[in-house]
Amino acid sequence: MSITKRTFLTLTCAATLAVTPVVSFAQGWEPRRPIDFVIMAGPGGGADQIARFIQSVAERYDLTSRPLVPNNQGGGSGAEALLSVSGTSDPDHTILVTLNSFFTTPLRQANLGIDVQTFTPIAMMGVDPFVLWVHVDSGITSFDQWLETVRGMNGEYVMGGTGTGQEDSIVIAFLSGAYDLDITYIPYDGGGAVARDLAGQQIMATVNNPAEAKGFYEAGDFVPLLAFSDERLPAFPDIPTVRELGHDFSYANQRAVVGAPGMSEEAAEYYRAVFTQVYESEEWQGYLESESLSPLWMNADEQRAYWTTQVEAHRELLAALGQ
């Protein structure tokens, strides 16, 4: 099976910083208790790292009257977090840090009864590409070598990724279909655990986001082989993209924060002002560059339109990959 149409649609990033958002805090409403900052992934992964970085920026500049309290809920490919946030009794003090499982998990688990459009748009912080990684001890230094190795193992090549039917498994399913590979896939609750198991060689390859693999890469443990981005990543200029190899495919993780269903408009405006300041901070802009994320700012209406586009794109993508 091959993908002949582009299946992940990030809005054009070139224009994302053309208009600088204006910050104006909502008058009269402030959090009265700590803010439940729910992360729909396990500790150590990209979503977790981003949530804690955002928390640190908010604390450094005293942007909230009550603290953001990170709360990892990665079970069931993010289903745990979606159910917790959608059922909260205090929507004005509950925020969800999302990735693409915000779209895929409700599609794959319709029994959850989750409609993403009931959530409250807060801030789109950027999009995060995927990279194929192997351990340096594998001796593999190119994608062609990797293909030869996988084909020679007759189904015993083991890769790990976050969840089933969500981001990592989608990219690995694409590789399997596009190159006629037989890969054994092990699902994890978060990208941090995936990266650690590649470092320990319990698995043979991953498609971690750059931030998740960065420490191991800098230590010389990981070797990048292929990027699933439209263009080569500045951090890895010698690594080809899958598009260069003739496949009309790219895929990236949204990095966004959304409010619980039923959040008041006063609370939503307060948080939008907070996260706008985080987005515009020197720290966040530096993080985007250092971790190979692409900026992608959106207002609330643009976010809702993006959600609609992404739900349909992932519906098609999951069907095409048989997920």
Protein backbone atom coordinates (compact mmCIF):
# COMPACT_ATOMS: atom_id res chain seq x y z
CA MET A 1 0.00 0.00 0.00
CA SER A 2 1.23 3.51 -0.75
CA ILE A 3 -0.09 6.94 0.14
CA THR A 4 -0.61 9.04 -2.98
CA LYS A 5 -2.11 12.14 -1.39
CA ARG A 6 -0.81 14.31 1.38
CA THR A 7 -2.57 13.13 4.50
CA PHE A 8 -1.41 15.48 7.23
CA LEU A 9 -2.29 19.10 6.66
CA THR A 10 -0.39 21.60 8.73
CA LEU A 11 -1.43 25.08 7.79
CA THR A 12 1.26 27.03 5.97
CA CYS A 13 3.85 27.96 8.56
CA ALA A 14 5.50 30.72 6.52
CA ALA A 15 2.82 33.21 7.46
CA THR A 16 2.32 32.24 11.07
CA LEU A 17 4.26 35.15 12.53
CA ALA A 18 3.10 37.75 10.01
CA VAL A 19 0.57 39.09 12.51
CA THR A 20 1.63 39.32 16.13
CA PRO A 21 -1.21 38.53 18.54
CA VAL A 22 -2.13 41.35 20.93
CA VAL A 23 -2.33 40.41 24.60
CA SER A 24 -5.13 41.90 26.70
CA PHE A 25 -6.05 40.11 29.90
CA ALA A 26 -9.73 39.58 30.56
CA GLN A 27 -11.04 41.91 33.24
CA GLY A 28 -12.62 40.55 36.37
CA TRP A 29 -11.77 36.84 36.18
CA GLU A 30 -8.75 35.05 37.58
CA PRO A 31 -8.20 31.46 38.71
CA ARG A 32 -9.23 30.91 42.32
CA ARG A 33 -7.38 27.61 42.74
CA PRO A 34 -4.50 25.67 41.11
CA ILE A 35 -5.09 24.92 37.42
CA ASP A 36 -5.27 21.25 36.43
CA PHE A 37 -2.83 21.11 33.50
CA VAL A 38 -3.70 17.69 32.06
CA ILE A 39 -1.24 16.08 29.65
CA MET A 40 -2.66 13.38 27.38
CA ALA A 41 0.60 11.38 27.40
CA GLY A 42 2.98 9.83 29.90
CA PRO A 43 6.03 11.43 31.54
CA GLY A 44 9.09 12.30 29.49
CA GLY A 45 7.52 12.52 26.02
CA GLY A 46 7.14 15.55 23.79
CA ALA A 47 3.78 16.64 25.21
CA ASP A 48 5.09 16.28 28.76
CA GLN A 49 8.27 18.22 28.01
CA ILE A 50 6.31 21.01 26.34
CA ALA A 51 3.78 21.23 29.17
CA ARG A 52 6.50 21.56 31.78
CA PHE A 53 8.40 24.10 29.70
CA ILE A 54 5.22 26.19 29.33
CA GLN A 55 4.66 25.89 33.07
CA SER A 56 8.19 27.16 33.72
CA VAL A 57 7.71 30.20 31.46
CA ALA A 58 4.36 31.04 33.11
CA GLU A 59 5.99 30.80 36.54
CA ARG A 60 9.06 32.83 35.54
CA TYR A 61 6.93 35.75 34.44
CA ASP A 62 4.17 35.27 37.04
CA LEU A 63 1.55 35.02 34.29
CA THR A 64 -1.14 33.24 36.33
CA SER A 65 -2.56 34.04 39.74
CA ARG A 66 -2.63 30.30 40.53
CA PRO A 67 -0.08 27.69 39.38
CA LEU A 68 -0.37 25.33 36.42
CA VAL A 69 -0.11 21.82 37.91
CA PRO A 70 1.03 19.18 35.34
CA ASN A 71 -1.05 16.01 35.48
CA ASN A 72 -0.04 13.12 33.19
CA GLN A 73 -2.99 11.03 31.99
CA GLY A 74 -1.75 9.03 29.02
CA GLY A 75 -3.75 5.83 29.38
CA GLY A 76 -5.73 4.43 26.44
CA SER A 77 -3.91 6.55 23.84
CA GLY A 78 -5.09 9.68 25.62
CA ALA A 79 -8.61 8.42 26.33
CA GLU A 80 -7.99 8.79 30.06
CA ALA A 81 -7.21 12.48 29.67
CA LEU A 82 -10.09 13.17 27.27
CA LEU A 83 -12.63 11.58 29.61
CA SER A 84 -11.17 13.30 32.67
CA VAL A 85 -11.21 16.76 31.13
CA SER A 86 -14.57 16.40 29.40
CA GLY A 87 -16.15 15.24 32.68
CA THR A 88 -14.53 17.75 35.01
CA SER A 89 -16.71 19.52 37.53
CA ASP A 90 -14.50 22.62 37.31
CA PRO A 91 -13.99 23.51 33.63
CA ASP A 92 -12.65 26.98 34.40
CA HIS A 93 -9.63 25.44 36.12
CA THR A 94 -8.95 22.55 33.70
CA ILE A 95 -6.70 22.73 30.62
CA LEU A 96 -5.60 19.90 28.31
CA VAL A 97 -2.20 19.69 26.60
CA THR A 98 -2.91 17.93 23.31
CA LEU A 99 -1.24 16.06 20.49
CA ASN A 100 -2.81 14.33 17.49
CA SER A 101 -4.46 11.71 19.68
CA PHE A 102 -6.91 14.56 20.36
CA PHE A 103 -8.20 13.64 16.88
CA THR A 104 -7.37 9.95 16.48
CA THR A 105 -8.52 8.55 19.83
CA PRO A 106 -12.14 9.75 19.50
CA LEU A 107 -12.18 8.36 15.94
CA ARG A 108 -10.84 4.95 17.00
CA GLN A 109 -12.80 4.76 20.24
CA ALA A 110 -16.24 6.07 19.32
CA ASN A 111 -17.68 4.54 22.49
CA LEU A 112 -15.93 7.28 24.48
CA GLY A 113 -18.53 9.75 23.21
CA ILE A 114 -15.92 12.49 22.79
CA ASP A 115 -16.59 15.36 20.36
CA VAL A 116 -13.48 17.53 20.09
CA GLN A 117 -15.59 20.53 19.05
CA THR A 118 -17.04 20.68 22.58
CA PHE A 119 -13.62 21.64 23.95
CA THR A 120 -12.59 25.28 24.26
CA PRO A 121 -9.86 26.68 21.95
CA ILE A 122 -7.03 28.28 23.90
CA ALA A 123 -3.72 28.29 21.99
CA MET A 124 -1.93 26.50 19.17
CA MET A 125 1.74 26.51 20.15
CA GLY A 126 3.32 24.83 17.09
CA VAL A 127 3.70 21.55 15.21
CA ASP A 128 6.31 18.87 15.87
CA PRO A 129 7.81 16.68 13.08
CA PHE A 130 8.71 13.01 13.27
CA VAL A 131 12.13 11.43 12.68
CA LEU A 132 13.14 7.78 12.27
CA TRP A 133 15.84 6.85 14.83
CA VAL A 134 18.02 3.78 15.46
CA HIS A 135 20.59 3.03 18.14
CA VAL A 136 24.19 3.72 17.20
CA ASP A 137 25.12 0.14 18.10
CA SER A 138 22.91 -1.14 15.28
CA GLY A 139 25.59 0.01 12.83
CA ILE A 140 22.87 1.47 10.59
CA THR A 141 23.73 4.88 9.16
CA SER A 142 21.31 5.30 6.25
CA PHE A 143 17.66 4.68 5.43
CA ASP A 144 18.62 2.20 2.71
CA GLN A 145 20.59 0.18 5.26
CA TRP A 146 17.61 0.29 7.57
CA LEU A 147 15.27 -1.04 4.88
CA GLU A 148 17.67 -3.89 4.13
CA THR A 149 17.89 -4.78 7.82
CA VAL A 150 14.13 -4.75 8.39
CA ARG A 151 13.44 -6.87 5.30
CA GLY A 152 16.06 -9.38 6.37
CA MET A 153 14.40 -9.99 9.75
CA ASN A 154 11.11 -11.41 8.40
CA GLY A 155 8.77 -9.77 10.91
CA GLU A 156 11.09 -9.87 13.90
CA TYR A 157 12.14 -6.22 13.63
CA VAL A 158 10.67 -4.44 16.68
CA MET A 159 9.70 -0.79 16.86
CA GLY A 160 8.04 1.09 19.69
CA GLY A 161 5.75 4.09 19.69
CA THR A 162 3.05 5.92 21.58
CA GLY A 163 -0.28 4.12 21.56
CA THR A 164 -2.08 2.24 18.85
CA GLY A 165 -3.73 4.13 16.02
CA GLN A 166 -2.15 7.40 17.07
CA GLU A 167 0.84 9.39 15.89
CA ASP A 168 3.79 7.01 16.09
CA SER A 169 1.84 3.98 14.92
CA ILE A 170 0.45 5.99 11.98
CA VAL A 171 3.96 6.88 10.80
CA ILE A 172 5.20 3.31 11.26
CA ALA A 173 2.15 1.94 9.44
CA PHE A 174 2.94 4.30 6.58
CA LEU A 175 6.51 2.98 6.41
CA SER A 176 5.26 -0.60 6.49
CA GLY A 177 2.84 0.01 3.65
CA ALA A 178 4.99 2.24 1.48
CA TYR A 179 8.02 -0.08 1.63
CA ASP A 180 6.30 -3.45 2.08
CA LEU A 181 7.82 -4.05 5.52
CA ASP A 182 6.83 -6.49 8.25
CA ILE A 183 7.41 -4.69 11.56
CA THR A 184 6.43 -5.75 15.07
CA TYR A 185 5.01 -2.72 16.91
CA ILE A 186 4.96 -2.24 20.70
CA PRO A 187 2.69 0.55 22.03
CA TYR A 188 3.70 2.79 24.95
CA ASP A 189 1.88 5.47 26.93
CA GLY A 190 4.43 8.18 26.13
CA GLY A 191 7.35 9.12 23.94
CA GLY A 192 9.73 9.34 26.87
CA ALA A 193 9.40 5.63 27.59
CA VAL A 194 9.81 4.88 23.88
CA ALA A 195 13.08 6.82 23.70
CA ARG A 196 14.40 5.20 26.90
CA ASP A 197 13.72 1.72 25.55
CA LEU A 198 15.55 2.49 22.32
CA ALA A 199 18.46 3.77 24.40
CA GLY A 200 18.37 0.48 26.31
CA GLN A 201 17.96 -1.47 23.04
CA GLN A 202 14.74 -3.15 24.15
CA ILE A 203 13.39 -2.00 20.78
CA MET A 204 15.23 -1.49 17.48
CA ALA A 205 13.90 1.81 16.13
CA THR A 206 11.46 4.62 16.87
CA VAL A 207 9.88 7.63 15.18
CA ASN A 208 10.26 9.95 18.17
CA ASN A 209 9.91 13.71 17.81
CA PRO A 210 13.28 15.50 17.92
CA ALA A 211 12.74 16.82 21.46
CA GLU A 212 12.08 13.32 22.78
CA ALA A 213 15.28 11.94 21.27
CA LYS A 214 17.48 15.02 21.66
CA GLY A 215 19.32 14.02 24.82
CA PHE A 216 20.18 10.57 23.49
CA TYR A 217 21.18 12.02 20.11
CA GLU A 218 23.48 14.56 21.72
CA ALA A 219 25.00 11.77 23.83
CA GLY A 220 25.80 9.88 20.63
CA ASP A 221 23.34 7.02 21.29
CA PHE A 222 20.79 7.72 18.54
CA VAL A 223 21.23 8.01 14.77
CA PRO A 224 18.55 9.87 12.72
CA LEU A 225 17.76 8.31 9.34
CA LEU A 226 14.66 9.96 7.85
CA ALA A 227 12.44 12.99 8.51
CA PHE A 228 8.67 13.05 7.94
CA SER A 229 8.63 16.79 7.27
CA ASP A 230 8.03 18.80 4.11
CA GLU A 231 11.62 20.07 4.11
CA ARG A 232 14.86 18.98 5.74
CA LEU A 233 15.06 19.93 9.39
CA PRO A 234 17.70 22.57 10.20
CA ALA A 235 18.91 20.46 13.13
CA PHE A 236 19.49 17.48 10.82
CA PRO A 237 20.41 18.95 7.41
CA ASP A 238 21.96 15.71 6.13
CA ILE A 239 18.87 13.59 6.80
CA PRO A 240 16.50 13.20 3.81
CA THR A 241 12.75 13.58 4.02
CA VAL A 242 10.36 10.88 2.92
CA ARG A 243 9.06 13.32 0.31
CA GLU A 244 12.54 13.44 -1.25
CA LEU A 245 12.29 9.68 -1.66
CA GLY A 246 9.17 10.03 -3.78
CA HIS A 247 6.33 9.68 -1.27
CA ASP A 248 3.72 12.44 -1.01
CA PHE A 249 3.58 12.21 2.77
CA SER A 250 4.50 14.29 5.78
CA TYR A 251 3.28 14.12 9.34
CA ALA A 252 3.64 16.29 12.43
CA ASN A 253 2.18 16.45 15.93
CA GLN A 254 0.10 19.41 17.00
CA ARG A 255 1.32 21.05 20.21
CA ALA A 256 -1.69 22.88 21.58
CA VAL A 257 -3.59 23.62 24.75
CA VAL A 258 -7.39 23.49 24.94
CA GLY A 259 -9.87 24.24 27.66
CA ALA A 260 -12.42 21.84 29.08
CA PRO A 261 -15.93 21.74 27.59
CA GLY A 262 -18.11 24.28 29.37
CA MET A 263 -15.28 26.68 30.20
CA SER A 264 -16.63 30.20 30.62
CA GLU A 265 -15.69 32.77 28.02
CA GLU A 266 -14.13 34.93 30.75
CA ALA A 267 -11.83 32.08 31.78
CA ALA A 268 -11.04 31.22 28.15
CA GLU A 269 -9.99 34.82 27.42
CA TYR A 270 -7.82 34.85 30.54
CA TYR A 271 -5.97 31.69 29.45
CA ARG A 272 -5.66 32.88 25.84
CA ALA A 273 -3.91 35.99 27.11
CA VAL A 274 -1.61 33.88 29.29
CA PHE A 275 -0.63 31.49 26.50
CA THR A 276 -0.24 34.31 24.00
CA GLN A 277 2.39 35.77 26.30
CA VAL A 278 4.06 32.37 26.61
CA TYR A 279 4.03 31.96 22.82
CA GLU A 280 5.55 35.40 22.22
CA SER A 281 8.20 34.97 24.90
CA GLU A 282 11.85 34.74 23.95
CA GLU A 283 11.95 31.40 25.77
CA TRP A 284 9.18 29.79 23.72
CA GLN A 285 10.48 31.11 20.41
CA GLY A 286 13.88 29.73 21.34
CA TYR A 287 12.30 26.40 22.24
CA LEU A 288 10.62 26.19 18.85
CA GLU A 289 13.97 26.63 17.15
CA SER A 290 16.06 24.41 19.42
CA GLU A 291 13.57 21.52 19.37
CA SER A 292 12.83 21.67 15.60
CA LEU A 293 9.17 22.69 16.01
CA SER A 294 7.42 24.90 13.46
CA PRO A 295 5.46 27.94 14.71
CA LEU A 296 1.74 27.85 14.03
CA TRP A 297 -0.26 30.50 15.87
CA MET A 298 -4.07 30.50 15.52
CA ASN A 299 -6.96 32.39 17.06
CA ALA A 300 -9.97 30.54 18.49
CA ASP A 301 -11.96 30.44 15.23
CA GLU A 302 -8.93 29.23 13.30
CA GLN A 303 -8.37 26.49 15.86
CA ARG A 304 -11.93 25.20 15.50
CA ALA A 305 -11.56 25.15 11.72
CA TYR A 306 -8.23 23.34 12.11
CA TRP A 307 -9.86 20.72 14.36
CA THR A 308 -12.49 20.03 11.68
CA THR A 309 -9.80 19.68 9.00
CA GLN A 310 -7.68 17.39 11.16
CA VAL A 311 -10.53 15.10 12.19
CA GLU A 312 -11.39 14.50 8.54
CA ALA A 313 -7.74 14.16 7.50
CA HIS A 314 -7.12 11.58 10.23
CA ARG A 315 -10.34 9.74 9.42
CA GLU A 316 -9.05 9.29 5.86
CA LEU A 317 -5.53 8.49 7.00
CA LEU A 318 -6.60 5.82 9.50
CA ALA A 319 -8.85 4.23 6.89
CA ALA A 320 -6.07 4.26 4.27
CA LEU A 321 -3.66 2.61 6.70
CA GLY A 322 -6.22 0.08 7.91
CA GLN A 323 -6.10 1.40 11.48
